[in-house]
Amino acid sequence: MAELRKLRAPDVNPESKPFWDAATEDRLLIKRCTACGEAHYYPRTICPFCGSPDTVWETSAGLGEIYTLSTLRRGPNAPFTLAYVTLDEGPTMITNITDCDPDTLAIGQRVQVRFVASDGGPPYPMFTPLGD
């Protein structure tokens, strides 16, 4: 397994600050629209489904499954796996899959969130396969 590269600290703005504050506590937040009921990621004030400003923060269990993935095998820190993970709460997020052999990953595989430190800022949510 390749060692993770140093991750640049995320840009935190007033709209995303609760998300990043929760990440420092190893909690994954998503937004849910109270008008249409849809959950969405990346958390933003306006619902991307219906345009309503009536959204609330919700704690995700941090469990989901790999929707699709791609493993980059060249360059520094290779191999490096990017994936779309569909959370049990509904939204799909782009992320990294870490702490595993990328050759063992599969679409539909169950994963759980883990938080990876950034360089001087809040940690990033990434995912690792669930044990059998």
Protein backbone atom coordinates (compact mmCIF):
# COMPACT_ATOMS: atom_id res chain seq x y z
CA MET A 1 0.00 0.00 0.00
CA ALA A 2 1.27 3.42 -0.89
CA GLU A 3 1.62 6.06 1.78
CA LEU A 4 -0.96 8.82 1.44
CA ARG A 5 0.34 12.09 0.07
CA LYS A 6 0.05 15.25 2.15
CA LEU A 7 -3.41 16.62 1.56
CA ARG A 8 -3.91 20.35 1.18
CA ALA A 9 -6.23 21.75 3.83
CA PRO A 10 -9.78 22.14 2.48
CA ASP A 11 -11.24 25.55 1.76
CA VAL A 12 -13.74 26.19 4.55
CA ASN A 13 -16.46 28.78 4.02
CA PRO A 14 -19.47 29.72 6.19
CA GLU A 15 -21.74 27.35 4.23
CA SER A 16 -19.45 24.32 4.66
CA LYS A 17 -18.05 25.12 8.14
CA PRO A 18 -20.44 22.78 10.06
CA PHE A 19 -19.40 19.93 7.73
CA TRP A 20 -15.69 20.47 8.37
CA ASP A 21 -16.23 21.07 12.12
CA ALA A 22 -17.98 17.69 12.32
CA ALA A 23 -15.15 16.06 10.35
CA THR A 24 -12.70 17.15 13.08
CA GLU A 25 -14.91 15.08 15.44
CA ASP A 26 -14.86 12.07 13.04
CA ARG A 27 -18.50 12.66 12.09
CA LEU A 28 -19.80 12.76 8.52
CA LEU A 29 -22.58 15.29 7.89
CA ILE A 30 -24.87 15.48 4.89
CA LYS A 31 -27.75 17.83 4.14
CA ARG A 32 -31.40 16.81 3.82
CA CYS A 33 -34.08 18.94 2.25
CA THR A 34 -37.18 19.24 4.43
CA ALA A 35 -39.26 20.27 1.39
CA CYS A 36 -38.63 17.24 -0.88
CA GLY A 37 -36.96 14.84 1.58
CA GLU A 38 -33.85 14.24 -0.55
CA ALA A 39 -30.42 13.98 1.08
CA HIS A 40 -27.50 15.50 -0.80
CA TYR A 41 -23.73 15.76 -0.78
CA TYR A 42 -21.74 18.08 -1.07
CA PRO A 43 -23.64 19.88 1.69
CA ARG A 44 -25.00 23.20 0.52
CA THR A 45 -27.79 25.49 1.65
CA ILE A 46 -29.99 25.18 -1.45
CA CYS A 47 -31.39 21.74 -2.32
CA PRO A 48 -30.01 20.62 -5.72
CA PHE A 49 -33.18 18.59 -6.35
CA CYS A 50 -35.97 21.11 -5.80
CA GLY A 51 -34.21 24.45 -5.17
CA SER A 52 -35.62 24.86 -1.67
CA PRO A 53 -33.55 26.67 0.97
CA ASP A 54 -35.13 24.45 3.65
CA THR A 55 -32.22 22.09 4.34
CA VAL A 56 -30.98 20.64 7.62
CA TRP A 57 -27.77 18.94 8.71
CA GLU A 58 -27.98 15.21 9.31
CA THR A 59 -25.32 12.86 10.68
CA SER A 60 -24.52 10.00 8.32
CA ALA A 61 -23.64 6.59 9.68
CA GLY A 62 -20.69 6.71 7.27
CA LEU A 63 -21.59 3.42 5.62
CA GLY A 64 -22.18 2.80 1.95
CA GLU A 65 -21.13 0.88 -1.10
CA ILE A 66 -18.79 1.49 -4.00
CA TYR A 67 -20.77 2.69 -7.02
CA THR A 68 -17.74 2.89 -9.31
CA LEU A 69 -13.97 3.20 -8.91
CA SER A 70 -10.74 3.83 -10.75
CA THR A 71 -7.27 2.99 -9.54
CA LEU A 72 -4.42 5.15 -10.81
CA ARG A 73 -1.23 3.13 -10.98
CA ARG A 74 1.35 5.71 -12.08
CA GLY A 75 2.92 8.69 -10.41
CA PRO A 76 3.70 9.58 -6.86
CA ASN A 77 1.63 7.78 -4.22
CA ALA A 78 0.43 5.16 -6.73
CA PRO A 79 -1.68 3.13 -6.55
CA PHE A 80 -4.39 5.64 -5.68
CA THR A 81 -8.09 4.72 -5.82
CA LEU A 82 -10.83 7.24 -6.57
CA ALA A 83 -14.43 6.12 -6.16
CA TYR A 84 -18.01 7.18 -6.03
CA VAL A 85 -19.53 5.84 -2.84
CA THR A 86 -23.30 5.77 -2.38
CA LEU A 87 -24.10 6.34 1.28
CA ASP A 88 -26.85 4.34 2.97
CA GLU A 89 -28.70 7.65 3.43
CA GLY A 90 -28.86 8.12 -0.36
CA PRO A 91 -26.28 10.61 -1.63
CA THR A 92 -23.29 9.58 -3.72
CA MET A 93 -19.96 11.23 -3.01
CA ILE A 94 -16.62 11.22 -4.77
CA THR A 95 -13.87 10.09 -2.45
CA ASN A 96 -10.80 7.92 -2.03
CA ILE A 97 -10.64 4.31 -0.91
CA THR A 98 -7.74 3.76 1.48
CA ASP A 99 -6.12 1.16 3.73
CA CYS A 100 -6.57 -1.78 1.38
CA ASP A 101 -5.16 -3.57 -1.63
CA PRO A 102 -6.83 -1.83 -4.60
CA ASP A 103 -6.91 -5.12 -6.50
CA THR A 104 -9.42 -6.46 -3.96
CA LEU A 105 -11.95 -3.63 -4.49
CA ALA A 106 -15.20 -4.22 -6.35
CA ILE A 107 -18.31 -2.33 -7.37
CA GLY A 108 -21.00 -2.96 -4.76
CA GLN A 109 -18.47 -3.57 -1.99
CA ARG A 110 -19.46 -2.21 1.42
CA VAL A 111 -17.26 0.56 2.85
CA GLN A 112 -17.10 2.77 5.91
CA VAL A 113 -15.87 6.31 6.38
CA ARG A 114 -12.55 7.17 7.95
CA PHE A 115 -11.09 10.62 8.32
CA VAL A 116 -7.67 11.42 6.88
CA ALA A 117 -5.66 14.37 8.18
CA SER A 118 -4.98 17.34 5.96
CA ASP A 119 -2.01 19.66 6.13
CA GLY A 120 -3.12 22.12 8.82
CA GLY A 121 -6.89 21.91 8.38
CA PRO A 122 -9.81 19.61 9.03
CA PRO A 123 -9.59 15.98 7.90
CA TYR A 124 -11.12 14.62 4.70
CA PRO A 125 -13.73 11.86 4.71
CA MET A 126 -12.41 8.83 2.82
CA PHE A 127 -13.53 5.22 2.87
CA THR A 128 -12.12 1.80 3.64
CA PRO A 129 -13.67 -1.62 2.98
CA LEU A 130 -15.72 -3.20 5.75
CA GLY A 131 -14.28 -6.38 7.20
CA ASP A 132 -16.02 -9.66 6.45
